[in-house]
Amino acid sequence: MKTRFLDVRNCHELLPRATGLSLVHHLDECLQQINDGDTPLFGVVDYLIKQNEKTHNRPRGSQRFIDSPLEIAQAADVARQAVETRLVFPHN
């Protein structure tokens, strides 16, 4: 499966195994909607990817950190074969 933003190999290591549920697909679709949508977060995923590429070889991880308002929640109901992926806005 081709994704726009996610490295599928890394996702299989980071996301829980949920047979029959496409967690990677739902997450990538959510990232696309956030990045391309008509919201204050327009382009934020592209910006984070560029920051990652620019700082990839920095010796200290703290030099790669960038503050981002992006928080995503993903819930899977294996019994119903349902996945919900959404943007979470932090409470001020």
PDB file of N, CA and C in Angstrom:
ATOM      1  N   MET A   1       0.838  -1.179   0.000  1.00  0.00           N
ATOM      2  CA  MET A   1       0.000   0.000   0.000  1.00  0.00           C
ATOM      3  C   MET A   1       0.888   1.249   0.000  1.00  0.00           C
ATOM      4  N   LYS A   2       0.632   2.154  -0.899  1.00  0.00           N
ATOM      5  CA  LYS A   2       1.393   3.405  -0.999  1.00  0.00           C
ATOM      6  C   LYS A   2       0.763   4.446  -0.081  1.00  0.00           C
ATOM      7  N   THR A   3       1.607   5.115   0.691  1.00  0.00           N
ATOM      8  CA  THR A   3       1.139   6.185   1.560  1.00  0.00           C
ATOM      9  C   THR A   3       1.849   7.473   1.177  1.00  0.00           C
ATOM     10  N   ARG A   4       1.243   8.580   1.502  1.00  0.00           N
ATOM     11  CA  ARG A   4       1.827   9.875   1.155  1.00  0.00           C
ATOM     12  C   ARG A   4       2.844  10.323   2.188  1.00  0.00           C
ATOM     13  N   PHE A   5       2.526  10.150   3.463  1.00  0.00           N
ATOM     14  CA  PHE A   5       3.367  10.691   4.520  1.00  0.00           C
ATOM     15  C   PHE A   5       4.089   9.636   5.359  1.00  0.00           C
ATOM     16  N   LEU A   6       3.606   8.432   5.388  1.00  0.00           N
ATOM     17  CA  LEU A   6       4.106   7.446   6.343  1.00  0.00           C
ATOM     18  C   LEU A   6       5.025   6.421   5.709  1.00  0.00           C
ATOM     19  N   ASP A   7       6.037   6.024   6.441  1.00  0.00           N
ATOM     20  CA  ASP A   7       6.897   4.914   6.065  1.00  0.00           C
ATOM     21  C   ASP A   7       6.230   3.659   6.629  1.00  0.00           C
ATOM     22  N   VAL A   8       5.705   2.835   5.750  1.00  0.00           N
ATOM     23  CA  VAL A   8       4.904   1.682   6.178  1.00  0.00           C
ATOM     24  C   VAL A   8       5.704   0.741   7.079  1.00  0.00           C
ATOM     25  N   ARG A   9       6.983   0.554   6.804  1.00  0.00           N
ATOM     26  CA  ARG A   9       7.804  -0.337   7.649  1.00  0.00           C
ATOM     27  C   ARG A   9       7.878   0.184   9.077  1.00  0.00           C
ATOM     28  N   ASN A  10       8.081   1.504   9.243  1.00  0.00           N
ATOM     29  CA  ASN A  10       8.120   2.073  10.586  1.00  0.00           C
ATOM     30  C   ASN A  10       6.765   1.962  11.275  1.00  0.00           C
ATOM     31  N   CYS A  11       5.706   2.165  10.526  1.00  0.00           N
ATOM     32  CA  CYS A  11       4.364   2.098  11.118  1.00  0.00           C
ATOM     33  C   CYS A  11       4.064   0.714  11.676  1.00  0.00           C
ATOM     34  N   HIS A  12       4.498  -0.312  10.982  1.00  0.00           N
ATOM     35  CA  HIS A  12       4.237  -1.664  11.465  1.00  0.00           C
ATOM     36  C   HIS A  12       4.962  -1.927  12.780  1.00  0.00           C
ATOM     37  N   GLU A  13       6.038  -1.221  13.020  1.00  0.00           N
ATOM     38  CA  GLU A  13       6.758  -1.353  14.282  1.00  0.00           C
ATOM     39  C   GLU A  13       6.133  -0.502  15.380  1.00  0.00           C
ATOM     40  N   LEU A  14       5.541   0.630  15.023  1.00  0.00           N
ATOM     41  CA  LEU A  14       5.030   1.571  16.015  1.00  0.00           C
ATOM     42  C   LEU A  14       3.549   1.380  16.343  1.00  0.00           C
ATOM     43  N   LEU A  15       2.762   1.001  15.354  1.00  0.00           N
ATOM     44  CA  LEU A  15       1.328   0.848  15.571  1.00  0.00           C
ATOM     45  C   LEU A  15       1.015  -0.580  16.030  1.00  0.00           C
ATOM     46  N   PRO A  16      -0.035  -0.738  16.832  1.00  0.00           N
ATOM     47  CA  PRO A  16      -0.398  -2.089  17.263  1.00  0.00           C
ATOM     48  C   PRO A  16      -0.877  -2.927  16.087  1.00  0.00           C
ATOM     49  N   ARG A  17      -0.716  -4.206  16.205  1.00  0.00           N
ATOM     50  CA  ARG A  17      -1.179  -5.109  15.158  1.00  0.00           C
ATOM     51  C   ARG A  17      -2.685  -5.316  15.340  1.00  0.00           C
ATOM     52  N   ALA A  18      -3.432  -4.975  14.327  1.00  0.00           N
ATOM     53  CA  ALA A  18      -4.884  -5.115  14.369  1.00  0.00           C
ATOM     54  C   ALA A  18      -5.311  -5.788  13.073  1.00  0.00           C
ATOM     55  N   THR A  19      -5.425  -7.077  13.112  1.00  0.00           N
ATOM     56  CA  THR A  19      -5.731  -7.856  11.926  1.00  0.00           C
ATOM     57  C   THR A  19      -7.016  -7.369  11.269  1.00  0.00           C
ATOM     58  N   GLY A  20      -6.921  -7.090   9.988  1.00  0.00           N
ATOM     59  CA  GLY A  20      -8.092  -6.687   9.221  1.00  0.00           C
ATOM     60  C   GLY A  20      -8.383  -5.196   9.272  1.00  0.00           C
ATOM     61  N   LEU A  21      -7.689  -4.458  10.121  1.00  0.00           N
ATOM     62  CA  LEU A  21      -7.919  -3.017  10.218  1.00  0.00           C
ATOM     63  C   LEU A  21      -6.741  -2.286   9.596  1.00  0.00           C
ATOM     64  N   SER A  22      -7.026  -1.286   8.811  1.00  0.00           N
ATOM     65  CA  SER A  22      -5.968  -0.549   8.144  1.00  0.00           C
ATOM     66  C   SER A  22      -5.636   0.721   8.934  1.00  0.00           C
ATOM     67  N   LEU A  23      -4.904   0.555  10.033  1.00  0.00           N
ATOM     68  CA  LEU A  23      -4.540   1.696  10.866  1.00  0.00           C
ATOM     69  C   LEU A  23      -3.659   2.676  10.104  1.00  0.00           C
ATOM     70  N   VAL A  24      -2.721   2.154   9.325  1.00  0.00           N
ATOM     71  CA  VAL A  24      -1.810   2.996   8.558  1.00  0.00           C
ATOM     72  C   VAL A  24      -2.597   3.835   7.546  1.00  0.00           C
ATOM     73  N   HIS A  25      -3.527   3.210   6.838  1.00  0.00           N
ATOM     74  CA  HIS A  25      -4.329   3.914   5.836  1.00  0.00           C
ATOM     75  C   HIS A  25      -5.126   5.043   6.487  1.00  0.00           C
ATOM     76  N   HIS A  26      -5.779   4.768   7.609  1.00  0.00           N
ATOM     77  CA  HIS A  26      -6.572   5.794   8.283  1.00  0.00           C
ATOM     78  C   HIS A  26      -5.692   6.936   8.794  1.00  0.00           C
ATOM     79  N   LEU A  27      -4.529   6.613   9.326  1.00  0.00           N
ATOM     80  CA  LEU A  27      -3.619   7.640   9.829  1.00  0.00           C
ATOM     81  C   LEU A  27      -3.101   8.510   8.691  1.00  0.00           C
ATOM     82  N   ASP A  28      -2.694   7.899   7.587  1.00  0.00           N
ATOM     83  CA  ASP A  28      -2.195   8.663   6.442  1.00  0.00           C
ATOM     84  C   ASP A  28      -3.298   9.545   5.857  1.00  0.00           C
ATOM     85  N   GLU A  29      -4.509   9.030   5.789  1.00  0.00           N
ATOM     86  CA  GLU A  29      -5.636   9.808   5.288  1.00  0.00           C
ATOM     87  C   GLU A  29      -5.914  11.016   6.193  1.00  0.00           C
ATOM     88  N   CYS A  30      -5.826  10.826   7.498  1.00  0.00           N
ATOM     89  CA  CYS A  30      -6.016  11.923   8.446  1.00  0.00           C
ATOM     90  C   CYS A  30      -4.935  12.991   8.252  1.00  0.00           C
ATOM     91  N   LEU A  31      -3.685  12.569   8.091  1.00  0.00           N
ATOM     92  CA  LEU A  31      -2.581  13.506   7.866  1.00  0.00           C
ATOM     93  C   LEU A  31      -2.789  14.301   6.577  1.00  0.00           C
ATOM     94  N   GLN A  32      -3.281  13.636   5.531  1.00  0.00           N
ATOM     95  CA  GLN A  32      -3.545  14.329   4.272  1.00  0.00           C
ATOM     96  C   GLN A  32      -4.623  15.386   4.444  1.00  0.00           C
ATOM     97  N   GLN A  33      -5.689  15.054   5.158  1.00  0.00           N
ATOM     98  CA  GLN A  33      -6.783  16.008   5.371  1.00  0.00           C
ATOM     99  C   GLN A  33      -6.310  17.208   6.186  1.00  0.00           C
ATOM    100  N   ILE A  34      -5.476  16.954   7.191  1.00  0.00           N
ATOM    101  CA  ILE A  34      -4.942  18.048   8.013  1.00  0.00           C
ATOM    102  C   ILE A  34      -4.031  18.937   7.180  1.00  0.00           C
ATOM    103  N   ASN A  35      -3.130  18.321   6.439  1.00  0.00           N
ATOM    104  CA  ASN A  35      -2.134  19.056   5.663  1.00  0.00           C
ATOM    105  C   ASN A  35      -2.757  19.850   4.516  1.00  0.00           C
ATOM    106  N   ASP A  36      -3.744  19.272   3.852  1.00  0.00           N
ATOM    107  CA  ASP A  36      -4.301  19.874   2.643  1.00  0.00           C
ATOM    108  C   ASP A  36      -5.582  20.661   2.898  1.00  0.00           C
ATOM    109  N   GLY A  37      -6.141  20.558   4.112  1.00  0.00           N
ATOM    110  CA  GLY A  37      -7.427  21.175   4.398  1.00  0.00           C
ATOM    111  C   GLY A  37      -7.354  22.685   4.553  1.00  0.00           C
ATOM    112  N   ASP A  38      -8.508  23.279   4.569  1.00  0.00           N
ATOM    113  CA  ASP A  38      -8.624  24.723   4.729  1.00  0.00           C
ATOM    114  C   ASP A  38      -8.713  25.041   6.226  1.00  0.00           C
ATOM    115  N   THR A  39      -7.590  24.864   6.917  1.00  0.00           N
ATOM    116  CA  THR A  39      -7.527  25.065   8.367  1.00  0.00           C
ATOM    117  C   THR A  39      -6.256  25.835   8.707  1.00  0.00           C
ATOM    118  N   PRO A  40      -6.126  26.281   9.957  1.00  0.00           N
ATOM    119  CA  PRO A  40      -4.871  26.931  10.374  1.00  0.00           C
ATOM    120  C   PRO A  40      -3.666  25.984  10.319  1.00  0.00           C
ATOM    121  N   LEU A  41      -3.908  24.683  10.212  1.00  0.00           N
ATOM    122  CA  LEU A  41      -2.818  23.710  10.157  1.00  0.00           C
ATOM    123  C   LEU A  41      -2.409  23.361   8.729  1.00  0.00           C
ATOM    124  N   PHE A  42      -2.891  24.121   7.765  1.00  0.00           N
ATOM    125  CA  PHE A  42      -2.562  23.862   6.364  1.00  0.00           C
ATOM    126  C   PHE A  42      -1.043  23.789   6.182  1.00  0.00           C
ATOM    127  N   GLY A  43      -0.559  22.690   5.611  1.00  0.00           N
ATOM    128  CA  GLY A  43       0.862  22.518   5.313  1.00  0.00           C
ATOM    129  C   GLY A  43       1.722  22.078   6.481  1.00  0.00           C
ATOM    130  N   VAL A  44       1.139  21.829   7.651  1.00  0.00           N
ATOM    131  CA  VAL A  44       1.942  21.516   8.836  1.00  0.00           C
ATOM    132  C   VAL A  44       2.699  20.191   8.692  1.00  0.00           C
ATOM    133  N   VAL A  45       2.110  19.199   8.046  1.00  0.00           N
ATOM    134  CA  VAL A  45       2.795  17.911   7.900  1.00  0.00           C
ATOM    135  C   VAL A  45       3.976  18.053   6.959  1.00  0.00           C
ATOM    136  N   ASP A  46       3.796  18.776   5.863  1.00  0.00           N
ATOM    137  CA  ASP A  46       4.920  19.037   4.957  1.00  0.00           C
ATOM    138  C   ASP A  46       6.050  19.761   5.691  1.00  0.00           C
ATOM    139  N   TYR A  47       5.697  20.731   6.521  1.00  0.00           N
ATOM    140  CA  TYR A  47       6.688  21.481   7.287  1.00  0.00           C
ATOM    141  C   TYR A  47       7.453  20.559   8.248  1.00  0.00           C
ATOM    142  N   LEU A  48       6.739  19.662   8.931  1.00  0.00           N
ATOM    143  CA  LEU A  48       7.395  18.739   9.862  1.00  0.00           C
ATOM    144  C   LEU A  48       8.326  17.774   9.128  1.00  0.00           C
ATOM    145  N   ILE A  49       7.932  17.333   7.958  1.00  0.00           N
ATOM    146  CA  ILE A  49       8.777  16.432   7.167  1.00  0.00           C
ATOM    147  C   ILE A  49      10.042  17.164   6.714  1.00  0.00           C
ATOM    148  N   LYS A  50       9.912  18.417   6.274  1.00  0.00           N
ATOM    149  CA  LYS A  50      11.089  19.192   5.869  1.00  0.00           C
ATOM    150  C   LYS A  50      12.031  19.406   7.045  1.00  0.00           C
ATOM    151  N   GLN A  51      11.479  19.690   8.226  1.00  0.00           N
ATOM    152  CA  GLN A  51      12.302  19.851   9.430  1.00  0.00           C
ATOM    153  C   GLN A  51      13.047  18.556   9.733  1.00  0.00           C
ATOM    154  N   ASN A  52      12.377  17.437   9.591  1.00  0.00           N
ATOM    155  CA  ASN A  52      13.004  16.139   9.838  1.00  0.00           C
ATOM    156  C   ASN A  52      14.151  15.893   8.861  1.00  0.00           C
ATOM    157  N   GLU A  53      13.933  16.179   7.603  1.00  0.00           N
ATOM    158  CA  GLU A  53      14.980  15.987   6.595  1.00  0.00           C
ATOM    159  C   GLU A  53      16.163  16.918   6.837  1.00  0.00           C
ATOM    160  N   LYS A  54      15.875  18.157   7.219  1.00  0.00           N
ATOM    161  CA  LYS A  54      16.917  19.166   7.425  1.00  0.00           C
ATOM    162  C   LYS A  54      17.800  18.845   8.633  1.00  0.00           C
ATOM    163  N   THR A  55      17.234  18.219   9.655  1.00  0.00           N
ATOM    164  CA  THR A  55      17.962  17.985  10.906  1.00  0.00           C
ATOM    165  C   THR A  55      18.324  16.521  11.119  1.00  0.00           C
ATOM    166  N   HIS A  56      18.188  15.719  10.098  1.00  0.00           N
ATOM    167  CA  HIS A  56      18.364  14.265  10.219  1.00  0.00           C
ATOM    168  C   HIS A  56      19.703  13.842  10.830  1.00  0.00           C
ATOM    169  N   ASN A  57      20.774  14.489  10.490  1.00  0.00           N
ATOM    170  CA  ASN A  57      22.095  14.066  10.959  1.00  0.00           C
ATOM    171  C   ASN A  57      22.618  14.860  12.150  1.00  0.00           C
ATOM    172  N   ARG A  58      21.759  15.527  12.863  1.00  0.00           N
ATOM    173  CA  ARG A  58      22.200  16.268  14.045  1.00  0.00           C
ATOM    174  C   ARG A  58      22.594  15.278  15.139  1.00  0.00           C
ATOM    175  N   PRO A  59      23.700  15.543  15.822  1.00  0.00           N
ATOM    176  CA  PRO A  59      24.181  14.596  16.832  1.00  0.00           C
ATOM    177  C   PRO A  59      23.265  14.480  18.046  1.00  0.00           C
ATOM    178  N   ARG A  60      22.596  15.572  18.412  1.00  0.00           N
ATOM    179  CA  ARG A  60      21.714  15.525  19.581  1.00  0.00           C
ATOM    180  C   ARG A  60      20.259  15.600  19.131  1.00  0.00           C
ATOM    181  N   GLY A  61      19.456  14.707  19.662  1.00  0.00           N
ATOM    182  CA  GLY A  61      18.049  14.683  19.313  1.00  0.00           C
ATOM    183  C   GLY A  61      17.321  15.966  19.664  1.00  0.00           C
ATOM    184  N   SER A  62      17.780  16.645  20.707  1.00  0.00           N
ATOM    185  CA  SER A  62      17.122  17.891  21.122  1.00  0.00           C
ATOM    186  C   SER A  62      17.235  18.964  20.051  1.00  0.00           C
ATOM    187  N   GLN A  63      18.224  18.866  19.171  1.00  0.00           N
ATOM    188  CA  GLN A  63      18.383  19.840  18.098  1.00  0.00           C
ATOM    189  C   GLN A  63      17.384  19.600  16.961  1.00  0.00           C
ATOM    190  N   ARG A  64      16.682  18.483  17.008  1.00  0.00           N
ATOM    191  CA  ARG A  64      15.708  18.159  15.970  1.00  0.00           C
ATOM    192  C   ARG A  64      14.297  18.536  16.385  1.00  0.00           C
ATOM    193  N   PHE A  65      14.102  18.857  17.651  1.00  0.00           N
ATOM    194  CA  PHE A  65      12.766  19.107  18.184  1.00  0.00           C
ATOM    195  C   PHE A  65      12.146  20.355  17.572  1.00  0.00           C
ATOM    196  N   ILE A  66      10.873  20.256  17.270  1.00  0.00           N
ATOM    197  CA  ILE A  66      10.112  21.408  16.798  1.00  0.00           C
ATOM    198  C   ILE A  66       8.730  21.325  17.442  1.00  0.00           C
ATOM    199  N   ASP A  67       8.274  22.434  17.964  1.00  0.00           N
ATOM    200  CA  ASP A  67       6.974  22.467  18.608  1.00  0.00           C
ATOM    201  C   ASP A  67       5.885  22.400  17.541  1.00  0.00           C
ATOM    202  N   SER A  68       4.890  21.556  17.770  1.00  0.00           N
ATOM    203  CA  SER A  68       3.812  21.396  16.806  1.00  0.00           C
ATOM    204  C   SER A  68       2.477  21.265  17.529  1.00  0.00           C
ATOM    205  N   PRO A  69       1.437  21.895  17.004  1.00  0.00           N
ATOM    206  CA  PRO A  69       0.115  21.774  17.610  1.00  0.00           C
ATOM    207  C   PRO A  69      -0.596  20.493  17.206  1.00  0.00           C
ATOM    208  N   LEU A  70       0.057  19.651  16.442  1.00  0.00           N
ATOM    209  CA  LEU A  70      -0.579  18.470  15.867  1.00  0.00           C
ATOM    210  C   LEU A  70      -0.665  17.329  16.876  1.00  0.00           C
ATOM    211  N   GLU A  71      -1.884  16.930  17.212  1.00  0.00           N
ATOM    212  CA  GLU A  71      -2.135  15.760  18.057  1.00  0.00           C
ATOM    213  C   GLU A  71      -3.219  14.938  17.385  1.00  0.00           C
ATOM    214  N   ILE A  72      -2.954  13.652  17.219  1.00  0.00           N
ATOM    215  CA  ILE A  72      -3.893  12.767  16.540  1.00  0.00           C
ATOM    216  C   ILE A  72      -4.219  11.604  17.462  1.00  0.00           C
ATOM    217  N   ALA A  73      -5.500  11.270  17.526  1.00  0.00           N
ATOM    218  CA  ALA A  73      -5.948  10.114  18.311  1.00  0.00           C
ATOM    219  C   ALA A  73      -6.484   9.064  17.345  1.00  0.00           C
ATOM    220  N   GLN A  74      -6.166   7.813  17.653  1.00  0.00           N
ATOM    221  CA  GLN A  74      -6.657   6.721  16.815  1.00  0.00           C
ATOM    222  C   GLN A  74      -7.188   5.628  17.725  1.00  0.00           C
ATOM    223  N   ALA A  75      -8.437   5.240  17.484  1.00  0.00           N
ATOM    224  CA  ALA A  75      -9.072   4.190  18.276  1.00  0.00           C
ATOM    225  C   ALA A  75      -9.517   3.071  17.344  1.00  0.00           C
ATOM    226  N   ALA A  76      -9.262   1.853  17.766  1.00  0.00           N
ATOM    227  CA  ALA A  76      -9.657   0.692  16.960  1.00  0.00           C
ATOM    228  C   ALA A  76     -10.564  -0.211  17.774  1.00  0.00           C
ATOM    229  N   ASP A  77     -11.673  -0.594  17.173  1.00  0.00           N
ATOM    230  CA  ASP A  77     -12.588  -1.569  17.768  1.00  0.00           C
ATOM    231  C   ASP A  77     -12.482  -2.826  16.920  1.00  0.00           C
ATOM    232  N   VAL A  78     -11.691  -3.768  17.384  1.00  0.00           N
ATOM    233  CA  VAL A  78     -11.409  -4.971  16.605  1.00  0.00           C
ATOM    234  C   VAL A  78     -12.674  -5.799  16.420  1.00  0.00           C
ATOM    235  N   ALA A  79     -13.522  -5.865  17.433  1.00  0.00           N
ATOM    236  CA  ALA A  79     -14.749  -6.670  17.347  1.00  0.00           C
ATOM    237  C   ALA A  79     -15.670  -6.150  16.235  1.00  0.00           C
ATOM    238  N   ARG A  80     -15.776  -4.833  16.098  1.00  0.00           N
ATOM    239  CA  ARG A  80     -16.634  -4.246  15.061  1.00  0.00           C
ATOM    240  C   ARG A  80     -15.864  -3.961  13.768  1.00  0.00           C
ATOM    241  N   GLN A  81     -14.550  -4.196  13.774  1.00  0.00           N
ATOM    242  CA  GLN A  81     -13.694  -3.907  12.617  1.00  0.00           C
ATOM    243  C   GLN A  81     -13.821  -2.438  12.206  1.00  0.00           C
ATOM    244  N   ALA A  82     -13.721  -1.554  13.203  1.00  0.00           N
ATOM    245  CA  ALA A  82     -13.863  -0.118  12.955  1.00  0.00           C
ATOM    246  C   ALA A  82     -12.653   0.633  13.484  1.00  0.00           C
ATOM    247  N   VAL A  83     -12.271   1.680  12.771  1.00  0.00           N
ATOM    248  CA  VAL A  83     -11.161   2.542  13.167  1.00  0.00           C
ATOM    249  C   VAL A  83     -11.643   3.984  13.120  1.00  0.00           C
ATOM    250  N   GLU A  84     -11.300   4.740  14.164  1.00  0.00           N
ATOM    251  CA  GLU A  84     -11.586   6.172  14.172  1.00  0.00           C
ATOM    252  C   GLU A  84     -10.259   6.901  14.366  1.00  0.00           C
ATOM    253  N   THR A  85      -9.942   7.782  13.460  1.00  0.00           N
ATOM    254  CA  THR A  85      -8.721   8.579  13.512  1.00  0.00           C
ATOM    255  C   THR A  85      -9.123  10.044  13.400  1.00  0.00           C
ATOM    256  N   ARG A  86      -8.653  10.868  14.337  1.00  0.00           N
ATOM    257  CA  ARG A  86      -9.063  12.267  14.294  1.00  0.00           C
ATOM    258  C   ARG A  86      -8.020  13.177  14.921  1.00  0.00           C
ATOM    259  N   LEU A  87      -8.115  14.425  14.546  1.00  0.00           N
ATOM    260  CA  LEU A  87      -7.276  15.472  15.102  1.00  0.00           C
ATOM    261  C   LEU A  87      -7.836  15.853  16.463  1.00  0.00           C
ATOM    262  N   VAL A  88      -6.955  16.019  17.443  1.00  0.00           N
ATOM    263  CA  VAL A  88      -7.361  16.399  18.783  1.00  0.00           C
ATOM    264  C   VAL A  88      -6.838  17.813  19.040  1.00  0.00           C
ATOM    265  N   PHE A  89      -7.734  18.718  19.400  1.00  0.00           N
ATOM    266  CA  PHE A  89      -7.320  20.072  19.716  1.00  0.00           C
ATOM    267  C   PHE A  89      -7.091  20.175  21.217  1.00  0.00           C
ATOM    268  N   PRO A  90      -5.903  20.576  21.636  1.00  0.00           N
ATOM    269  CA  PRO A  90      -5.600  20.682  23.069  1.00  0.00           C
ATOM    270  C   PRO A  90      -6.456  21.741  23.739  1.00  0.00           C
ATOM    271  N   HIS A  91      -6.792  21.485  24.989  1.00  0.00           N
ATOM    272  CA  HIS A  91      -7.572  22.450  25.771  1.00  0.00           C
ATOM    273  C   HIS A  91      -6.633  23.495  26.341  1.00  0.00           C
ATOM    274  N   ASN A  92      -7.016  24.738  26.259  1.00  0.00           N
ATOM    275  CA  ASN A  92      -6.187  25.831  26.800  1.00  0.00           C
ATOM    276  C   ASN A  92      -6.622  26.150  28.197  1.00  0.00           C
TER     277      ASN A  92
END
